[in-house]
Amino acid sequence: MASERRQLLRVADLIDIAIAMEQAGERFYLRAAKLTDDPRTKKTFEFLANEESHHKELFEMKFEREKKLELHKELPKGYFEYLNVLGSTLLFSDDELEKLMDGVTTCKQAIEFAIAREKDSMLFYYELAQFIPLSEQETIDAIIAEERKHFEILTNMKSVFI
């Protein structure tokens, strides 16, 4: 039975999800920047979009060789599916972004949406970190630290809109 087969982790799949997450985040922040006339808020959303673009580039450059790895490590039952579901909640196509943004009409809503996505991103990267070679651990730790910084920025912004 297919459901009883061992699930082997392909690092490439996780890195591809991470790259797509960063692309989706960049698109979201650029769209969120259009929701406001406040120069400071607009600048913050644009800064976050640039950060997501930078993370995407880091993943593409730093982890290219890891994409060739297939870990022959048996994962706990359901773990591979968990990682895929977690990653897929952070991905959205341009059409899906449009639908999501139709429901986001205020800066506060955009900030709340972004806070949730940043928390989910950190969780995904913590999970990804265990599969990245120690030689590249510093890079993934730096990305997690930046996602945490984004969370703090957004949380501070949210207090302005309450």
C-alpha atoms as a PDB file:
ATOM      1  CA  MET A   1       0.000   0.000   0.000  1.00  0.00           C
ATOM      2  CA  ALA A   2       1.226   3.477  -0.833  1.00  0.00           C
ATOM      3  CA  SER A   3       0.302   4.801   2.607  1.00  0.00           C
ATOM      4  CA  GLU A   4       2.614   2.259   4.235  1.00  0.00           C
ATOM      5  CA  ARG A   5       5.685   3.237   2.170  1.00  0.00           C
ATOM      6  CA  ARG A   6       8.501   4.996   3.893  1.00  0.00           C
ATOM      7  CA  GLN A   7       8.495   8.744   3.384  1.00  0.00           C
ATOM      8  CA  LEU A   8      11.930   9.968   2.391  1.00  0.00           C
ATOM      9  CA  LEU A   9      12.575  13.651   2.771  1.00  0.00           C
ATOM     10  CA  ARG A  10      13.753  15.548  -0.233  1.00  0.00           C
ATOM     11  CA  VAL A  11      15.555  18.661   0.932  1.00  0.00           C
ATOM     12  CA  ALA A  12      14.878  20.194  -2.484  1.00  0.00           C
ATOM     13  CA  ASP A  13      11.143  20.115  -1.785  1.00  0.00           C
ATOM     14  CA  LEU A  14      11.576  22.005   1.483  1.00  0.00           C
ATOM     15  CA  ILE A  15      13.923  24.568  -0.040  1.00  0.00           C
ATOM     16  CA  ASP A  16      11.539  25.081  -2.956  1.00  0.00           C
ATOM     17  CA  ILE A  17       8.710  25.672  -0.472  1.00  0.00           C
ATOM     18  CA  ALA A  18      10.893  28.164   1.421  1.00  0.00           C
ATOM     19  CA  ILE A  19      11.701  30.064  -1.803  1.00  0.00           C
ATOM     20  CA  ALA A  20       8.031  30.147  -2.798  1.00  0.00           C
ATOM     21  CA  MET A  21       7.082  31.322   0.727  1.00  0.00           C
ATOM     22  CA  GLU A  22       9.484  34.241   0.438  1.00  0.00           C
ATOM     23  CA  GLN A  23       8.124  35.139  -3.017  1.00  0.00           C
ATOM     24  CA  ALA A  24       4.565  35.069  -1.672  1.00  0.00           C
ATOM     25  CA  GLY A  25       5.589  37.222   1.287  1.00  0.00           C
ATOM     26  CA  GLU A  26       7.214  39.772  -0.989  1.00  0.00           C
ATOM     27  CA  ARG A  27       4.085  40.010  -3.150  1.00  0.00           C
ATOM     28  CA  PHE A  28       1.895  40.363  -0.067  1.00  0.00           C
ATOM     29  CA  TYR A  29       3.972  43.171   1.448  1.00  0.00           C
ATOM     30  CA  LEU A  30       4.086  45.082  -1.835  1.00  0.00           C
ATOM     31  CA  ARG A  31       0.319  44.803  -2.076  1.00  0.00           C
ATOM     32  CA  ALA A  32      -0.089  45.809   1.599  1.00  0.00           C
ATOM     33  CA  ALA A  33       2.027  48.924   0.957  1.00  0.00           C
ATOM     34  CA  LYS A  34      -0.666  50.073  -1.459  1.00  0.00           C
ATOM     35  CA  LEU A  35      -3.281  50.011   1.331  1.00  0.00           C
ATOM     36  CA  THR A  36      -1.891  53.037   3.102  1.00  0.00           C
ATOM     37  CA  ASP A  37      -1.156  56.668   2.458  1.00  0.00           C
ATOM     38  CA  ASP A  38       0.958  56.875   5.601  1.00  0.00           C
ATOM     39  CA  PRO A  39       4.580  57.205   4.400  1.00  0.00           C
ATOM     40  CA  ARG A  40       6.043  55.405   7.446  1.00  0.00           C
ATOM     41  CA  THR A  41       3.713  52.429   7.141  1.00  0.00           C
ATOM     42  CA  LYS A  42       4.229  52.237   3.371  1.00  0.00           C
ATOM     43  CA  LYS A  43       8.001  52.350   3.861  1.00  0.00           C
ATOM     44  CA  THR A  44       7.830  49.559   6.462  1.00  0.00           C
ATOM     45  CA  PHE A  45       5.807  47.283   4.174  1.00  0.00           C
ATOM     46  CA  GLU A  46       8.241  47.985   1.316  1.00  0.00           C
ATOM     47  CA  PHE A  47      11.182  47.238   3.636  1.00  0.00           C
ATOM     48  CA  LEU A  48       9.594  43.902   4.580  1.00  0.00           C
ATOM     49  CA  ALA A  49       9.029  43.098   0.889  1.00  0.00           C
ATOM     50  CA  ASN A  50      12.726  43.732   0.212  1.00  0.00           C
ATOM     51  CA  GLU A  51      13.671  41.504   3.151  1.00  0.00           C
ATOM     52  CA  GLU A  52      11.575  38.651   1.746  1.00  0.00           C
ATOM     53  CA  SER A  53      13.248  39.101  -1.646  1.00  0.00           C
ATOM     54  CA  HIS A  54      16.653  38.942   0.054  1.00  0.00           C
ATOM     55  CA  HIS A  55      15.679  35.715   1.873  1.00  0.00           C
ATOM     56  CA  LYS A  56      14.618  34.158  -1.426  1.00  0.00           C
ATOM     57  CA  GLU A  57      18.015  35.015  -2.918  1.00  0.00           C
ATOM     58  CA  LEU A  58      19.789  33.555   0.120  1.00  0.00           C
ATOM     59  CA  PHE A  59      17.904  30.288  -0.253  1.00  0.00           C
ATOM     60  CA  GLU A  60      18.655  30.159  -3.969  1.00  0.00           C
ATOM     61  CA  MET A  61      22.394  30.852  -3.520  1.00  0.00           C
ATOM     62  CA  LYS A  62      23.231  29.114  -0.253  1.00  0.00           C
ATOM     63  CA  PHE A  63      21.191  25.957  -0.557  1.00  0.00           C
ATOM     64  CA  GLU A  64      21.544  25.085  -4.235  1.00  0.00           C
ATOM     65  CA  ARG A  65      23.796  22.121  -3.504  1.00  0.00           C
ATOM     66  CA  GLU A  66      21.545  20.908  -0.665  1.00  0.00           C
ATOM     67  CA  LYS A  67      18.713  20.683  -3.181  1.00  0.00           C
ATOM     68  CA  LYS A  68      20.504  17.663  -4.612  1.00  0.00           C
ATOM     69  CA  LEU A  69      20.305  15.844  -1.298  1.00  0.00           C
ATOM     70  CA  GLU A  70      17.714  13.243  -0.562  1.00  0.00           C
ATOM     71  CA  LEU A  71      17.895  12.245   3.035  1.00  0.00           C
ATOM     72  CA  HIS A  72      17.479   8.560   3.478  1.00  0.00           C
ATOM     73  CA  LYS A  73      16.058   9.101   6.879  1.00  0.00           C
ATOM     74  CA  GLU A  74      12.714   7.672   7.760  1.00  0.00           C
ATOM     75  CA  LEU A  75      10.402  10.346   9.033  1.00  0.00           C
ATOM     76  CA  PRO A  76       7.818   9.817  11.741  1.00  0.00           C
ATOM     77  CA  LYS A  77       4.430   8.883  10.342  1.00  0.00           C
ATOM     78  CA  GLY A  78       2.653  11.960   9.029  1.00  0.00           C
ATOM     79  CA  TYR A  79       5.695  14.251   9.377  1.00  0.00           C
ATOM     80  CA  PHE A  80       6.256  14.756   5.645  1.00  0.00           C
ATOM     81  CA  GLU A  81       2.583  15.619   5.216  1.00  0.00           C
ATOM     82  CA  TYR A  82       2.822  18.011   8.176  1.00  0.00           C
ATOM     83  CA  LEU A  83       5.745  19.859   6.540  1.00  0.00           C
ATOM     84  CA  ASN A  84       3.906  20.066   3.229  1.00  0.00           C
ATOM     85  CA  VAL A  85       0.721  21.379   4.834  1.00  0.00           C
ATOM     86  CA  LEU A  86       2.664  23.874   6.932  1.00  0.00           C
ATOM     87  CA  GLY A  87       4.533  25.126   3.889  1.00  0.00           C
ATOM     88  CA  SER A  88       1.467  25.230   1.684  1.00  0.00           C
ATOM     89  CA  THR A  89      -0.409  27.459   4.151  1.00  0.00           C
ATOM     90  CA  LEU A  90       2.265  30.058   3.491  1.00  0.00           C
ATOM     91  CA  LEU A  91       2.051  29.875  -0.293  1.00  0.00           C
ATOM     92  CA  PHE A  92      -0.410  31.597  -2.547  1.00  0.00           C
ATOM     93  CA  SER A  93      -0.621  32.267  -6.255  1.00  0.00           C
ATOM     94  CA  ASP A  94      -1.265  35.727  -7.658  1.00  0.00           C
ATOM     95  CA  ASP A  95      -4.981  34.869  -7.945  1.00  0.00           C
ATOM     96  CA  GLU A  96      -5.084  33.608  -4.357  1.00  0.00           C
ATOM     97  CA  LEU A  97      -3.285  36.750  -3.210  1.00  0.00           C
ATOM     98  CA  GLU A  98      -5.898  38.862  -4.948  1.00  0.00           C
ATOM     99  CA  LYS A  99      -8.677  36.953  -3.162  1.00  0.00           C
ATOM    100  CA  LEU A 100      -6.907  37.234   0.194  1.00  0.00           C
ATOM    101  CA  MET A 101      -6.278  40.931  -0.286  1.00  0.00           C
ATOM    102  CA  ASP A 102      -9.910  41.543  -1.217  1.00  0.00           C
ATOM    103  CA  GLY A 103     -10.683  40.677   2.396  1.00  0.00           C
ATOM    104  CA  VAL A 104      -7.829  42.828   3.694  1.00  0.00           C
ATOM    105  CA  THR A 105      -9.038  46.389   3.453  1.00  0.00           C
ATOM    106  CA  THR A 106      -7.209  48.066   6.324  1.00  0.00           C
ATOM    107  CA  CYS A 107      -3.617  48.305   7.441  1.00  0.00           C
ATOM    108  CA  LYS A 108      -4.551  46.627  10.709  1.00  0.00           C
ATOM    109  CA  GLN A 109      -5.913  43.609   8.832  1.00  0.00           C
ATOM    110  CA  ALA A 110      -2.777  43.475   6.675  1.00  0.00           C
ATOM    111  CA  ILE A 111      -0.598  43.619   9.771  1.00  0.00           C
ATOM    112  CA  GLU A 112      -2.565  40.869  11.524  1.00  0.00           C
ATOM    113  CA  PHE A 113      -2.336  38.674   8.408  1.00  0.00           C
ATOM    114  CA  ALA A 114       1.410  39.333   8.158  1.00  0.00           C
ATOM    115  CA  ILE A 115       1.999  38.582  11.853  1.00  0.00           C
ATOM    116  CA  ALA A 116       0.355  35.174  11.451  1.00  0.00           C
ATOM    117  CA  ARG A 117       2.428  34.428   8.337  1.00  0.00           C
ATOM    118  CA  GLU A 118       5.690  35.469  10.006  1.00  0.00           C
ATOM    119  CA  LYS A 119       4.971  33.126  12.936  1.00  0.00           C
ATOM    120  CA  ASP A 120       4.196  30.291  10.534  1.00  0.00           C
ATOM    121  CA  SER A 121       7.385  31.046   8.591  1.00  0.00           C
ATOM    122  CA  MET A 122       9.488  30.840  11.737  1.00  0.00           C
ATOM    123  CA  LEU A 123       7.929  27.487  12.596  1.00  0.00           C
ATOM    124  CA  PHE A 124       8.594  26.167   9.095  1.00  0.00           C
ATOM    125  CA  TYR A 125      12.223  27.330   9.214  1.00  0.00           C
ATOM    126  CA  TYR A 126      12.759  25.741  12.628  1.00  0.00           C
ATOM    127  CA  GLU A 127      11.537  22.478  11.101  1.00  0.00           C
ATOM    128  CA  LEU A 128      13.689  22.970   7.997  1.00  0.00           C
ATOM    129  CA  ALA A 129      16.792  23.707  10.098  1.00  0.00           C
ATOM    130  CA  GLN A 130      17.093  20.131  11.287  1.00  0.00           C
ATOM    131  CA  PHE A 131      17.654  18.978   7.706  1.00  0.00           C
ATOM    132  CA  ILE A 132      20.215  21.617   6.732  1.00  0.00           C
ATOM    133  CA  PRO A 133      23.903  20.701   7.118  1.00  0.00           C
ATOM    134  CA  LEU A 134      25.655  22.249  10.117  1.00  0.00           C
ATOM    135  CA  SER A 135      27.899  24.179   7.742  1.00  0.00           C
ATOM    136  CA  GLU A 136      24.845  26.168   6.604  1.00  0.00           C
ATOM    137  CA  GLN A 137      23.082  26.378   9.963  1.00  0.00           C
ATOM    138  CA  GLU A 138      24.230  29.966  10.467  1.00  0.00           C
ATOM    139  CA  THR A 139      22.315  31.037   7.351  1.00  0.00           C
ATOM    140  CA  ILE A 140      19.041  29.421   8.421  1.00  0.00           C
ATOM    141  CA  ASP A 141      19.489  30.840  11.941  1.00  0.00           C
ATOM    142  CA  ALA A 142      19.980  34.316  10.443  1.00  0.00           C
ATOM    143  CA  ILE A 143      16.795  33.968   8.385  1.00  0.00           C
ATOM    144  CA  ILE A 144      14.860  32.846  11.477  1.00  0.00           C
ATOM    145  CA  ALA A 145      16.242  35.853  13.383  1.00  0.00           C
ATOM    146  CA  GLU A 146      15.115  38.169  10.575  1.00  0.00           C
ATOM    147  CA  GLU A 147      11.641  36.617  10.535  1.00  0.00           C
ATOM    148  CA  ARG A 148      11.513  37.194  14.306  1.00  0.00           C
ATOM    149  CA  LYS A 149      12.526  40.820  13.689  1.00  0.00           C
ATOM    150  CA  HIS A 150       9.695  41.136  11.148  1.00  0.00           C
ATOM    151  CA  PHE A 151       7.287  39.773  13.754  1.00  0.00           C
ATOM    152  CA  GLU A 152       8.478  42.410  16.238  1.00  0.00           C
ATOM    153  CA  ILE A 153       8.182  45.225  13.675  1.00  0.00           C
ATOM    154  CA  LEU A 154       4.665  44.153  12.766  1.00  0.00           C
ATOM    155  CA  THR A 155       3.625  43.752  16.397  1.00  0.00           C
ATOM    156  CA  ASN A 156       4.832  47.280  17.113  1.00  0.00           C
ATOM    157  CA  MET A 157       3.007  48.558  14.032  1.00  0.00           C
ATOM    158  CA  LYS A 158      -0.175  46.836  15.133  1.00  0.00           C
ATOM    159  CA  SER A 159      -0.182  48.773  18.420  1.00  0.00           C
ATOM    160  CA  VAL A 160      -0.368  52.003  16.401  1.00  0.00           C
ATOM    161  CA  PHE A 161      -3.542  50.809  14.642  1.00  0.00           C
ATOM    162  CA  ILE A 162      -5.407  49.621  17.752  1.00  0.00           C
END
